[in-house]
Protein backbone atom coordinates (compact mmCIF):
# COMPACT_ATOMS: atom_id res chain seq x y z
CA UNK A 1 -46.44 18.52 -31.66
CA UNK A 2 -49.00 15.77 -31.20
CA UNK A 3 -49.92 14.18 -34.50
CA UNK A 4 -53.23 12.53 -35.19
CA UNK A 5 -55.71 12.24 -37.99
CA UNK A 6 -58.12 15.11 -38.66
CA UNK A 7 -59.16 16.41 -35.28
CA UNK A 8 -62.72 16.59 -34.09
CA UNK A 9 -64.04 20.09 -33.44
CA UNK A 10 -66.64 21.10 -30.85
CA UNK A 11 -68.89 23.72 -32.38
CA UNK A 12 -71.05 25.17 -29.63
CA UNK A 13 -70.03 27.36 -26.72
CA UNK A 14 -72.90 28.25 -24.42
CA UNK A 15 -70.75 29.36 -21.49
CA UNK A 16 -70.98 26.14 -19.48
CA UNK A 17 -67.26 25.63 -19.07
CA UNK A 18 -66.60 29.30 -18.35
CA UNK A 19 -69.21 29.41 -15.59
CA UNK A 20 -67.99 26.14 -14.09
CA UNK A 21 -64.37 27.26 -14.07
CA UNK A 22 -65.28 30.56 -12.45
CA UNK A 23 -67.15 28.84 -9.63
CA UNK A 24 -64.41 26.31 -9.01
CA UNK A 25 -61.79 29.07 -8.97
CA UNK A 26 -63.97 31.01 -6.52
CA UNK A 27 -64.14 27.92 -4.27
CA UNK A 28 -60.36 27.67 -4.04
CA UNK A 29 -60.02 31.40 -3.39
CA UNK A 30 -62.74 31.40 -0.72
CA UNK A 31 -61.15 28.43 1.06
CA UNK A 32 -57.65 29.84 0.53
CA UNK A 33 -56.33 26.47 -0.65
CA UNK A 34 -54.23 25.34 -3.59
CA UNK A 35 -55.58 23.01 -6.29
CA UNK A 36 -52.33 21.02 -5.95
CA UNK A 37 -49.54 20.40 -3.41
CA UNK A 38 -51.95 19.05 -0.84
CA UNK A 39 -50.64 17.71 2.50
CA UNK A 40 -53.34 15.04 2.55
CA UNK A 41 -52.12 13.85 -0.86
CA UNK A 42 -48.52 13.66 0.35
CA UNK A 43 -49.59 11.55 3.32
CA UNK A 44 -51.69 9.33 1.07
CA UNK A 45 -48.71 8.80 -1.23
CA UNK A 46 -46.56 7.69 1.70
CA UNK A 47 -49.25 5.27 2.88
CA UNK A 48 -49.67 3.69 -0.56
CA UNK A 49 -45.94 3.36 -1.17
CA UNK A 50 -45.40 1.85 2.29
CA UNK A 51 -48.30 -0.51 1.53
CA UNK A 52 -46.59 -1.72 -1.66
CA UNK A 53 -43.13 -2.04 -0.12
CA UNK A 54 -44.43 -3.81 2.99
CA UNK A 55 -46.55 -6.24 0.94
CA UNK A 56 -43.57 -6.97 -1.34
CA UNK A 57 -41.27 -7.66 1.64
CA UNK A 58 -43.87 -9.78 3.46
CA UNK A 59 -44.61 -11.84 0.35
CA UNK A 60 -40.94 -12.53 -0.34
CA UNK A 61 -39.59 -12.94 3.19
CA UNK A 62 -42.65 -13.81 5.28
CA UNK A 63 -43.64 -17.25 6.59
CA UNK A 64 -43.29 -20.01 3.95
CA UNK A 65 -47.01 -20.79 4.04
CA UNK A 66 -48.75 -20.99 0.69
CA UNK A 67 -51.98 -19.23 1.62
CA UNK A 68 -49.99 -16.38 3.17
CA UNK A 69 -47.91 -16.04 0.01
CA UNK A 70 -51.05 -15.94 -2.13
CA UNK A 71 -52.67 -13.41 0.19
CA UNK A 72 -49.49 -11.33 0.10
CA UNK A 73 -49.57 -11.30 -3.72
CA UNK A 74 -53.20 -10.17 -3.72
CA UNK A 75 -52.49 -7.39 -1.21
CA UNK A 76 -49.46 -6.37 -3.27
CA UNK A 77 -51.61 -6.26 -6.42
CA UNK A 78 -54.11 -4.02 -4.64
CA UNK A 79 -51.26 -1.75 -3.60
CA UNK A 80 -49.90 -1.57 -7.16
CA UNK A 81 -53.40 -0.61 -8.31
CA UNK A 82 -53.40 2.10 -5.62
CA UNK A 83 -50.21 3.54 -7.13
CA UNK A 84 -51.94 3.58 -10.51
CA UNK A 85 -55.17 5.08 -9.21
CA UNK A 86 -53.74 7.81 -7.03
CA UNK A 87 -50.04 8.58 -7.24
CA UNK A 88 -49.05 8.06 -10.87
CA UNK A 89 -52.39 9.15 -12.26
CA UNK A 90 -52.44 12.59 -10.62
CA UNK A 91 -48.74 13.11 -11.33
CA UNK A 92 -48.94 12.24 -15.03
CA UNK A 93 -51.88 14.63 -15.40
CA UNK A 94 -49.90 17.40 -13.71
CA UNK A 95 -52.44 17.42 -10.89
CA UNK A 96 -50.17 16.32 -8.06
CA UNK A 97 -47.95 19.38 -7.69
CA UNK A 98 -47.42 22.81 -9.18
CA UNK A 99 -43.77 21.80 -9.67
CA UNK A 100 -43.21 19.99 -12.97
CA UNK A 101 -40.28 17.97 -11.66
CA UNK A 102 -42.43 16.56 -8.84
CA UNK A 103 -45.14 15.51 -11.28
CA UNK A 104 -42.57 14.05 -13.65
CA UNK A 105 -40.75 12.12 -10.93
CA UNK A 106 -43.86 10.62 -9.37
CA UNK A 107 -45.26 9.93 -12.81
CA UNK A 108 -42.38 7.51 -13.32
CA UNK A 109 -44.03 5.19 -10.79
CA UNK A 110 -46.03 3.99 -13.80
CA UNK A 111 -42.83 2.78 -15.44
CA UNK A 112 -41.79 0.97 -12.27
CA UNK A 113 -45.11 -0.92 -12.12
CA UNK A 114 -44.82 -1.92 -15.78
CA UNK A 115 -46.69 0.78 -17.69
CA UNK A 116 -44.97 3.38 -19.90
CA UNK A 117 -45.73 6.86 -18.56
CA UNK A 118 -44.61 8.35 -21.91
CA UNK A 119 -47.09 6.37 -23.99
CA UNK A 120 -49.81 6.71 -21.36
CA UNK A 121 -49.66 10.51 -21.52
CA UNK A 122 -50.37 10.44 -25.25
CA UNK A 123 -52.98 7.68 -25.21
CA UNK A 124 -54.79 8.74 -22.06
CA UNK A 125 -54.17 12.46 -21.46
CA UNK A 126 -54.57 13.46 -25.10
CA UNK A 127 -56.65 10.90 -27.01
CA UNK A 128 -58.92 9.68 -24.22
CA UNK A 129 -59.44 12.94 -22.39
CA UNK A 130 -59.97 15.02 -25.52
CA UNK A 131 -62.12 12.60 -27.53
CA UNK A 132 -63.84 10.58 -24.83
CA UNK A 133 -65.90 7.64 -26.17
CA UNK A 134 -65.38 8.63 -29.81
CA UNK A 135 -64.52 5.46 -31.70
CA UNK A 136 -61.36 5.83 -33.75
CA UNK A 137 -60.02 8.58 -31.49
CA UNK A 138 -60.40 7.33 -27.93
CA UNK A 139 -58.35 4.15 -28.31
CA UNK A 140 -59.12 3.15 -24.72
CA UNK A 141 -62.66 2.14 -25.73
CA UNK A 142 -61.44 0.06 -28.66
CA UNK A 143 -59.82 -2.80 -26.77
CA UNK A 144 -58.01 -3.80 -29.98
CA UNK A 145 -61.29 -5.32 -31.12
CA UNK A 146 -61.40 -7.94 -28.38
CA UNK A 147 -64.10 -6.16 -26.38
CA UNK A 148 -67.02 -4.32 -27.97
CA UNK A 149 -67.66 -1.24 -25.86
CA UNK A 150 -69.12 1.18 -28.39
CA UNK A 151 -72.34 0.69 -30.41
CA UNK A 152 -70.43 2.02 -33.43
CA UNK A 153 -67.79 -0.70 -33.25
CA UNK A 154 -67.98 -3.71 -35.54
CA UNK A 155 -69.53 -6.70 -33.83
CA UNK A 156 -67.78 -10.07 -34.07
CA UNK A 157 -69.23 -13.46 -33.17
CA UNK A 158 -67.04 -13.81 -30.06
CA UNK A 159 -68.37 -10.59 -28.53
CA UNK A 160 -71.47 -12.47 -27.38
CA UNK A 161 -69.28 -14.05 -24.68
CA UNK A 162 -67.57 -10.85 -23.54
CA UNK A 163 -69.69 -10.20 -20.46
CA UNK A 164 -68.85 -13.74 -19.26
CA UNK A 165 -65.14 -13.65 -20.03
CA UNK A 166 -64.49 -10.01 -19.19
CA UNK A 167 -62.83 -10.63 -15.81
CA UNK A 168 -60.38 -13.07 -17.38
CA UNK A 169 -59.58 -10.47 -20.04
CA UNK A 170 -59.00 -7.81 -17.39
CA UNK A 171 -56.62 -10.16 -15.58
CA UNK A 172 -54.25 -10.44 -18.55
CA UNK A 173 -54.43 -6.80 -19.66
CA UNK A 174 -51.38 -5.62 -17.63
CA UNK A 175 -49.16 -8.20 -19.33
CA UNK A 176 -50.51 -7.18 -22.72
CA UNK A 177 -49.91 -3.50 -21.97
CA UNK A 178 -46.28 -4.12 -21.10
CA UNK A 179 -45.56 -6.04 -24.30
CA UNK A 180 -47.60 -3.59 -26.38
CA UNK A 181 -45.56 -0.66 -25.02
CA UNK A 182 -42.39 -2.09 -26.55
CA UNK A 183 -44.10 -2.98 -29.83
CA UNK A 184 -45.63 0.50 -30.11
CA UNK A 185 -42.46 2.42 -29.42
CA UNK A 186 -40.15 0.28 -31.60
CA UNK A 187 -42.30 -0.86 -34.48
CA UNK A 188 -45.92 0.23 -34.75
CA UNK A 189 -45.34 3.90 -33.83
CA UNK A 190 -49.02 4.75 -33.70
CA UNK A 191 -52.34 4.03 -32.00
CA UNK A 192 -54.48 3.13 -34.99
CA UNK A 193 -54.15 6.29 -37.15
CA UNK A 194 -52.70 8.47 -34.40
CA UNK A 195 -48.95 8.90 -34.70
CA UNK A 196 -47.05 8.65 -31.42
CA UNK A 197 -44.71 11.63 -30.85
CA UNK A 198 -41.06 10.67 -31.27
CA UNK A 199 -39.51 9.94 -27.87
CA UNK A 200 -36.24 11.55 -26.86
CA UNK A 201 -33.29 9.32 -25.89
CA UNK A 202 -34.00 9.91 -22.19
CA UNK A 203 -37.61 8.85 -22.64
CA UNK A 204 -36.48 5.68 -24.40
CA UNK A 205 -34.08 4.94 -21.55
CA UNK A 206 -36.86 5.43 -19.02
CA UNK A 207 -39.24 3.17 -20.94
CA UNK A 208 -36.79 0.26 -21.17
CA UNK A 209 -35.19 0.96 -17.80
CA UNK A 210 -38.66 0.86 -16.25
CA UNK A 211 -39.36 -2.53 -17.85
CA UNK A 212 -36.08 -3.91 -16.49
CA UNK A 213 -36.77 -2.55 -12.99
CA UNK A 214 -40.33 -3.90 -13.07
CA UNK A 215 -39.26 -7.40 -14.09
CA UNK A 216 -36.36 -7.25 -11.64
CA UNK A 217 -38.59 -6.43 -8.68
CA UNK A 218 -41.34 -8.93 -9.45
CA UNK A 219 -39.45 -11.79 -11.13
CA UNK A 220 -35.65 -11.62 -10.91
CA UNK A 221 -35.25 -10.81 -7.22
CA UNK A 222 -37.66 -13.58 -6.12
CA UNK A 223 -35.63 -16.09 -8.18
CA UNK A 224 -32.29 -14.78 -6.89
CA UNK A 225 -33.35 -15.15 -3.24
CA UNK A 226 -34.43 -18.75 -3.71
CA UNK A 227 -37.85 -19.04 -5.28
CA UNK A 228 -38.10 -21.29 -8.31
CA UNK A 229 -38.92 -19.67 -11.67
CA UNK A 230 -42.35 -21.30 -11.58
CA UNK A 231 -43.06 -19.95 -8.09
CA UNK A 232 -41.90 -16.48 -9.13
CA UNK A 233 -44.07 -16.52 -12.26
CA UNK A 234 -47.13 -17.69 -10.29
CA UNK A 235 -46.65 -14.96 -7.67
CA UNK A 236 -46.09 -12.36 -10.38
CA UNK A 237 -49.22 -13.58 -12.15
CA UNK A 238 -51.42 -13.41 -9.05
CA UNK A 239 -50.17 -9.90 -8.24
CA UNK A 240 -50.74 -8.47 -11.68
CA UNK A 241 -53.99 -10.27 -12.38
CA UNK A 242 -55.33 -8.67 -9.20
CA UNK A 243 -54.08 -5.31 -10.42
CA UNK A 244 -55.60 -5.82 -13.86
CA UNK A 245 -59.06 -6.73 -12.61
CA UNK A 246 -59.14 -3.68 -10.34
CA UNK A 247 -57.75 -1.10 -12.74
CA UNK A 248 -59.86 -2.19 -15.74
CA UNK A 249 -63.11 -2.38 -13.81
CA UNK A 250 -62.70 1.16 -12.52
CA UNK A 251 -62.09 2.53 -16.01
CA UNK A 252 -65.13 0.72 -17.39
CA UNK A 253 -67.40 2.09 -14.68
CA UNK A 254 -66.68 5.63 -15.85
CA UNK A 255 -67.43 5.33 -19.56
CA UNK A 256 -68.73 1.93 -20.63
CA UNK A 257 -72.27 1.81 -19.29
CA UNK A 258 -75.56 3.62 -19.57
CA UNK A 259 -76.18 6.55 -19.50
CA UNK A 260 -72.69 7.46 -20.81
CA UNK A 261 -73.03 8.44 -24.45
CA UNK A 262 -70.98 7.31 -27.44
CA UNK A 263 -71.09 10.30 -29.74
CA UNK A 264 -69.99 10.26 -33.38
CA UNK A 265 -68.86 13.48 -35.09
CA UNK A 266 -70.52 14.74 -38.27
CA UNK A 267 -69.19 12.41 -41.02
CA UNK A 268 -68.25 15.23 -43.39
CA UNK A 269 -67.36 18.13 -41.12
CA UNK A 270 -65.86 16.10 -38.24
CA UNK A 271 -67.74 18.32 -35.80
CA UNK A 272 -69.61 17.52 -32.61
CA UNK A 273 -72.40 19.97 -31.95
CA UNK A 274 -71.71 20.42 -28.27
CA UNK A 275 -69.47 22.45 -26.06
CA UNK A 276 -66.46 20.29 -25.15
CA UNK A 277 -67.16 20.42 -21.42
CA UNK A 278 -70.79 19.36 -21.91
CA UNK A 279 -69.58 16.56 -24.19
CA UNK A 280 -67.37 15.36 -21.32
CA UNK A 281 -70.32 15.28 -18.93
CA UNK A 282 -72.41 13.33 -21.44
CA UNK A 283 -69.75 10.67 -22.03
CA UNK A 284 -68.74 10.09 -18.41
CA UNK A 285 -70.31 8.71 -15.24
CA UNK A 286 -69.46 9.13 -11.55
CA UNK A 287 -70.15 6.40 -9.02
CA UNK A 288 -70.16 5.74 -5.27
CA UNK A 289 -69.67 9.38 -4.23
CA UNK A 290 -70.47 8.63 -0.58
CA UNK A 291 -68.19 5.62 -0.23
CA UNK A 292 -65.32 6.94 1.90
CA UNK A 293 -62.98 4.04 1.22
CA UNK A 294 -63.41 4.23 -2.56
CA UNK A 295 -63.05 8.02 -2.45
CA UNK A 296 -59.64 7.42 -0.87
CA UNK A 297 -58.48 4.30 -2.68
CA UNK A 298 -59.57 5.12 -6.25
CA UNK A 299 -57.79 8.44 -6.39
CA UNK A 300 -60.94 10.32 -7.32
CA UNK A 301 -61.62 8.08 -10.32
CA UNK A 302 -65.12 7.46 -9.05
CA UNK A 303 -65.53 11.22 -9.64
CA UNK A 304 -64.54 10.67 -13.26
CA UNK A 305 -66.68 13.49 -14.67
CA UNK A 306 -65.02 15.98 -12.34
CA UNK A 307 -61.66 14.52 -13.27
CA UNK A 308 -62.26 14.89 -17.01
CA UNK A 309 -63.15 18.54 -16.55
CA UNK A 310 -60.34 19.28 -14.07
CA UNK A 311 -57.51 16.78 -14.66
CA UNK A 312 -54.91 19.29 -13.42
CA UNK A 313 -56.53 19.56 -9.99
CA UNK A 314 -55.55 17.06 -7.29
CA UNK A 315 -58.27 14.44 -6.81
CA UNK A 316 -58.37 15.19 -3.07
CA UNK A 317 -60.63 18.13 -3.97
CA UNK A 318 -63.10 16.27 -6.18
CA UNK A 319 -65.75 15.60 -3.51
CA UNK A 320 -66.00 19.36 -2.95
CA UNK A 321 -66.04 20.21 -6.67
CA UNK A 322 -68.76 17.67 -7.51
CA UNK A 323 -71.61 19.68 -5.89
CA UNK A 324 -70.46 22.77 -7.81
CA UNK A 325 -70.56 20.78 -11.04
CA UNK A 326 -74.03 19.48 -10.16
CA UNK A 327 -75.32 23.04 -9.64
CA UNK A 328 -73.94 24.28 -12.96
CA UNK A 329 -75.30 21.22 -14.79
CA UNK A 330 -78.77 21.84 -13.37
CA UNK A 331 -78.69 25.50 -14.39
CA UNK A 332 -77.65 24.64 -17.96
CA UNK A 333 -80.01 21.69 -18.30
CA UNK A 334 -77.21 19.11 -18.56
CA UNK A 335 -77.61 15.65 -17.03
CA UNK A 336 -74.86 14.87 -14.51
CA UNK A 337 -74.72 11.07 -14.43
CA UNK A 338 -74.05 9.47 -11.04
CA UNK A 339 -74.52 5.93 -9.74
CA UNK A 340 -74.85 6.11 -5.98
CA UNK A 341 -73.16 2.75 -5.32
CA UNK A 342 -70.26 0.78 -6.74
CA UNK A 343 -72.38 -2.34 -7.21
CA UNK A 344 -75.06 -0.53 -9.23
CA UNK A 345 -72.39 0.88 -11.56
CA UNK A 346 -70.76 -2.55 -11.86
CA UNK A 347 -74.10 -4.15 -12.75
CA UNK A 348 -74.74 -1.44 -15.35
CA UNK A 349 -71.34 -2.03 -16.93
CA UNK A 350 -71.86 -5.79 -17.23
CA UNK A 351 -75.34 -5.18 -18.62
CA UNK A 352 -73.92 -2.84 -21.26
CA UNK A 353 -71.23 -5.35 -22.25
CA UNK A 354 -73.93 -8.01 -22.64
CA UNK A 355 -76.00 -5.71 -24.86
CA UNK A 356 -72.94 -4.79 -26.95
CA UNK A 357 -72.13 -8.46 -27.43
CA UNK A 358 -75.65 -9.47 -28.44
CA UNK A 359 -76.99 -9.29 -31.96
CA UNK A 360 -77.79 -5.60 -32.61
CA UNK A 361 -81.39 -4.52 -32.54
CA UNK A 362 -81.10 -0.80 -33.14
CA UNK A 363 -79.68 1.51 -35.73
CA UNK A 364 -76.05 2.52 -35.42
CA UNK A 365 -74.61 -0.88 -34.64
CA UNK A 366 -72.46 -2.51 -37.29
CA UNK A 367 -72.59 -6.30 -37.27
CA UNK A 368 -70.30 -8.76 -38.94
């Protein structure tokens, strides 16, 4: 049983989600295709894993030329991000395959790249996907106070620099995550007020075994084959800073920008007066829907609204589901937020961070 503080309720039900689900189900039946177990996804997984393995081998055993080593680390970091975007993300949501063991096995790729799949499922699948952009519930918009993403978050003096320093913060996030995983599971045992479910012995073994494998692949093996500890640490740093900048930017472009809403529940009743599915549309933004490379590389995360409504469907199908969602939104008078390009969404995110860091000028912001 997942334990958290008093849960937020969603009071209205106007039939939006029911109608949307019916139309999406009808699409899969009409096309005679499965929401999961997609051949294109299998091929994509092979390509991404070969990308990572090839980049790792080239970086370690390729020509001893510095710029090639640096380039290899960057390409490897992009590949690791690809695993996070596409393979592990779908699998840990149960959207990769209809077979639980396939989802579970591929979900462990998160542990191999340094991120606990066990903790991620609680923090992301439950807290973030259920309570998107609600401060105190969606811990992914809290940033442990370092970044001010929500207008309801307390403003500190250093937030005025966040839009300038944000890329440097993104670069160190993967290292922080890995240390925080161990601290959370051994000592803290909760995300703010949300108690983490007790892990079974196997889950503990996977968490720590994954950390050992991760450090072995990216630090120990390079040292064993002849690289100095400093060289190994620099290469590891370049790889994971690349990964961090990519993975964090993509998350921010889905929720931390206008017109995504930050909705607070009723202070006494802990209720949000919206249907849950409509709440998801209001708090999420899609971007670059016509960019074929990003559609492939980001694992459907540029269709974040579709993903939040259908996390158990493989992201390969999102471009076809998006027009269905747009139709239903129009019929129900709900704004479906889409930035047509990656750069426009990126600019909107940096603009929002600048506004959140500035001295508040409107009601609802708490300043220190």
